[in-house]
């Protein structure tokens, strides 16, 4: 699915397919964290293997909002895993990865410090 949005500086998600995401002109097949001014690999291996440490990595990026893309289907992680985000006052929205990609572009275009933590596998 191609995604388009004008007037966005920094990292923009241009396309999503099951197992891959295109950010600007680069295609990624591993889990990533995308923010308007940051793109980094995310060591989370799968939804079922998420740990508190995976969420601490996101919290360290200091977003105001996290869009957690959980793969092909929406799945809610255990509340206890997200303690670092909650304690830091960071909002969390959980959705499938395709929806997280679409939503990221919209929120980023508003100039907000949003992080899309995307599980691609």
C-alpha atoms as a PDB file:
ATOM      1  CA  UNK A   1       0.000   0.000   0.000  1.00  0.00           C
ATOM      2  CA  UNK A   2       1.454   3.360  -1.033  1.00  0.00           C
ATOM      3  CA  UNK A   3       1.123   6.266   1.362  1.00  0.00           C
ATOM      4  CA  UNK A   4       1.418   9.903   0.303  1.00  0.00           C
ATOM      5  CA  UNK A   5       1.603  13.098   2.299  1.00  0.00           C
ATOM      6  CA  UNK A   6       3.101  16.438   1.320  1.00  0.00           C
ATOM      7  CA  UNK A   7       4.881  19.003   3.459  1.00  0.00           C
ATOM      8  CA  UNK A   8       6.548  16.536   5.826  1.00  0.00           C
ATOM      9  CA  UNK A   9      10.205  17.019   6.682  1.00  0.00           C
ATOM     10  CA  UNK A  10      12.443  14.246   7.940  1.00  0.00           C
ATOM     11  CA  UNK A  11      11.390  10.614   7.777  1.00  0.00           C
ATOM     12  CA  UNK A  12       8.189   9.824   5.894  1.00  0.00           C
ATOM     13  CA  UNK A  13       6.660   6.381   5.465  1.00  0.00           C
ATOM     14  CA  UNK A  14       5.992   6.031   1.754  1.00  0.00           C
ATOM     15  CA  UNK A  15       4.743   2.441   1.501  1.00  0.00           C
ATOM     16  CA  UNK A  16       3.874  -0.597   3.574  1.00  0.00           C
ATOM     17  CA  UNK A  17       3.642  -4.234   2.551  1.00  0.00           C
ATOM     18  CA  UNK A  18       3.416  -7.235   4.842  1.00  0.00           C
ATOM     19  CA  UNK A  19       7.002  -7.742   5.996  1.00  0.00           C
ATOM     20  CA  UNK A  20       8.430  -4.445   4.742  1.00  0.00           C
ATOM     21  CA  UNK A  21       8.088  -0.695   4.972  1.00  0.00           C
ATOM     22  CA  UNK A  22       9.534   2.035   2.768  1.00  0.00           C
ATOM     23  CA  UNK A  23      10.793   5.090   4.638  1.00  0.00           C
ATOM     24  CA  UNK A  24      11.827   7.890   2.307  1.00  0.00           C
ATOM     25  CA  UNK A  25      13.662   5.980  -0.443  1.00  0.00           C
ATOM     26  CA  UNK A  26      14.817   2.991   1.637  1.00  0.00           C
ATOM     27  CA  UNK A  27      12.974  -0.296   2.182  1.00  0.00           C
ATOM     28  CA  UNK A  28      13.271  -2.048   5.563  1.00  0.00           C
ATOM     29  CA  UNK A  29      12.408  -5.660   6.332  1.00  0.00           C
ATOM     30  CA  UNK A  30      13.329  -5.605  10.026  1.00  0.00           C
ATOM     31  CA  UNK A  31      11.489  -4.013  12.928  1.00  0.00           C
ATOM     32  CA  UNK A  32      12.161  -0.276  13.218  1.00  0.00           C
ATOM     33  CA  UNK A  33      11.357   2.833  15.211  1.00  0.00           C
ATOM     34  CA  UNK A  34      10.603   5.866  13.034  1.00  0.00           C
ATOM     35  CA  UNK A  35      10.372   9.445  14.256  1.00  0.00           C
ATOM     36  CA  UNK A  36      10.439  12.662  12.202  1.00  0.00           C
ATOM     37  CA  UNK A  37      14.182  13.071  12.885  1.00  0.00           C
ATOM     38  CA  UNK A  38      15.196   9.511  13.839  1.00  0.00           C
ATOM     39  CA  UNK A  39      15.101   6.079  12.251  1.00  0.00           C
ATOM     40  CA  UNK A  40      16.624   3.177  14.129  1.00  0.00           C
ATOM     41  CA  UNK A  41      16.406  -0.612  14.130  1.00  0.00           C
ATOM     42  CA  UNK A  42      14.198  -1.998  16.891  1.00  0.00           C
ATOM     43  CA  UNK A  43      15.546  -5.201  18.418  1.00  0.00           C
ATOM     44  CA  UNK A  44      12.093  -6.485  19.354  1.00  0.00           C
ATOM     45  CA  UNK A  45      11.888  -9.884  17.691  1.00  0.00           C
ATOM     46  CA  UNK A  46       8.103 -10.396  17.586  1.00  0.00           C
ATOM     47  CA  UNK A  47       4.913  -9.368  19.331  1.00  0.00           C
ATOM     48  CA  UNK A  48       4.890 -12.478  21.515  1.00  0.00           C
ATOM     49  CA  UNK A  49       8.497 -11.845  22.584  1.00  0.00           C
ATOM     50  CA  UNK A  50       8.093  -8.151  23.551  1.00  0.00           C
ATOM     51  CA  UNK A  51       9.815  -7.196  26.802  1.00  0.00           C
ATOM     52  CA  UNK A  52       9.954  -4.155  29.067  1.00  0.00           C
ATOM     53  CA  UNK A  53      13.399  -3.449  27.575  1.00  0.00           C
ATOM     54  CA  UNK A  54      11.840  -3.114  24.103  1.00  0.00           C
ATOM     55  CA  UNK A  55       9.580  -0.359  25.422  1.00  0.00           C
ATOM     56  CA  UNK A  56      12.424   1.292  27.351  1.00  0.00           C
ATOM     57  CA  UNK A  57      14.221   1.758  24.024  1.00  0.00           C
ATOM     58  CA  UNK A  58      11.179   3.607  22.690  1.00  0.00           C
ATOM     59  CA  UNK A  59      10.913   5.735  25.854  1.00  0.00           C
ATOM     60  CA  UNK A  60      14.574   6.751  25.490  1.00  0.00           C
ATOM     61  CA  UNK A  61      13.692   8.360  22.130  1.00  0.00           C
ATOM     62  CA  UNK A  62      11.446  10.774  24.093  1.00  0.00           C
ATOM     63  CA  UNK A  63       8.377  10.864  21.854  1.00  0.00           C
ATOM     64  CA  UNK A  64       5.136  12.434  23.024  1.00  0.00           C
ATOM     65  CA  UNK A  65       3.148   9.644  21.362  1.00  0.00           C
ATOM     66  CA  UNK A  66       3.974   6.067  20.341  1.00  0.00           C
ATOM     67  CA  UNK A  67       2.115   4.286  17.559  1.00  0.00           C
ATOM     68  CA  UNK A  68       2.750   0.610  18.192  1.00  0.00           C
ATOM     69  CA  UNK A  69       2.320  -1.372  14.982  1.00  0.00           C
ATOM     70  CA  UNK A  70       1.773  -4.975  16.061  1.00  0.00           C
ATOM     71  CA  UNK A  71       2.004  -6.711  12.680  1.00  0.00           C
ATOM     72  CA  UNK A  72      -0.827  -7.793  10.404  1.00  0.00           C
ATOM     73  CA  UNK A  73      -3.378  -7.728  13.207  1.00  0.00           C
ATOM     74  CA  UNK A  74      -3.946  -5.491  16.189  1.00  0.00           C
ATOM     75  CA  UNK A  75      -2.766  -7.099  19.433  1.00  0.00           C
ATOM     76  CA  UNK A  76      -2.556  -5.446  22.834  1.00  0.00           C
ATOM     77  CA  UNK A  77       0.619  -5.962  24.862  1.00  0.00           C
ATOM     78  CA  UNK A  78       0.483  -6.614  28.567  1.00  0.00           C
ATOM     79  CA  UNK A  79       0.128  -3.358  30.481  1.00  0.00           C
ATOM     80  CA  UNK A  80       3.219  -4.147  32.573  1.00  0.00           C
ATOM     81  CA  UNK A  81       5.461  -4.105  29.511  1.00  0.00           C
ATOM     82  CA  UNK A  82       4.659  -0.436  28.835  1.00  0.00           C
ATOM     83  CA  UNK A  83       5.483   0.887  32.323  1.00  0.00           C
ATOM     84  CA  UNK A  84       8.464   2.949  31.093  1.00  0.00           C
ATOM     85  CA  UNK A  85       6.255   4.766  28.585  1.00  0.00           C
ATOM     86  CA  UNK A  86       3.446   5.328  31.078  1.00  0.00           C
ATOM     87  CA  UNK A  87       5.794   6.635  33.790  1.00  0.00           C
ATOM     88  CA  UNK A  88       7.329   9.055  31.268  1.00  0.00           C
ATOM     89  CA  UNK A  89       3.867  10.400  30.361  1.00  0.00           C
ATOM     90  CA  UNK A  90       4.154   9.108  26.788  1.00  0.00           C
ATOM     91  CA  UNK A  91       0.873   8.268  25.071  1.00  0.00           C
ATOM     92  CA  UNK A  92       0.526   4.869  23.390  1.00  0.00           C
ATOM     93  CA  UNK A  93      -1.828   3.876  20.588  1.00  0.00           C
ATOM     94  CA  UNK A  94      -1.856   0.213  19.560  1.00  0.00           C
ATOM     95  CA  UNK A  95      -2.871  -0.758  16.027  1.00  0.00           C
ATOM     96  CA  UNK A  96      -1.854  -3.045  13.196  1.00  0.00           C
ATOM     97  CA  UNK A  97       1.319  -1.991  11.397  1.00  0.00           C
ATOM     98  CA  UNK A  98      -0.461  -0.749   8.270  1.00  0.00           C
ATOM     99  CA  UNK A  99      -2.636   1.609  10.348  1.00  0.00           C
ATOM    100  CA  UNK A 100       0.410   2.740  12.367  1.00  0.00           C
ATOM    101  CA  UNK A 101       2.190   3.689   9.125  1.00  0.00           C
ATOM    102  CA  UNK A 102      -0.775   5.752   7.893  1.00  0.00           C
ATOM    103  CA  UNK A 103      -1.287   7.412  11.257  1.00  0.00           C
ATOM    104  CA  UNK A 104       2.422   8.222  11.664  1.00  0.00           C
ATOM    105  CA  UNK A 105       2.456  10.354   8.513  1.00  0.00           C
ATOM    106  CA  UNK A 106      -0.583  12.326   9.640  1.00  0.00           C
ATOM    107  CA  UNK A 107       0.704  12.979  13.160  1.00  0.00           C
ATOM    108  CA  UNK A 108       4.240  13.777  11.958  1.00  0.00           C
ATOM    109  CA  UNK A 109       2.846  16.300   9.468  1.00  0.00           C
ATOM    110  CA  UNK A 110       1.315  18.133  12.441  1.00  0.00           C
ATOM    111  CA  UNK A 111       4.837  18.709  13.782  1.00  0.00           C
ATOM    112  CA  UNK A 112       4.409  16.363  16.747  1.00  0.00           C
ATOM    113  CA  UNK A 113       7.132  14.152  18.228  1.00  0.00           C
ATOM    114  CA  UNK A 114       5.588  10.837  17.261  1.00  0.00           C
ATOM    115  CA  UNK A 115       7.338   7.462  17.195  1.00  0.00           C
ATOM    116  CA  UNK A 116       6.097   4.555  15.096  1.00  0.00           C
ATOM    117  CA  UNK A 117       7.423   1.327  16.611  1.00  0.00           C
ATOM    118  CA  UNK A 118       6.799  -1.116  13.800  1.00  0.00           C
ATOM    119  CA  UNK A 119       6.785  -4.900  14.000  1.00  0.00           C
ATOM    120  CA  UNK A 120       7.162  -6.116  10.424  1.00  0.00           C
ATOM    121  CA  UNK A 121       7.498  -9.862  10.852  1.00  0.00           C
END
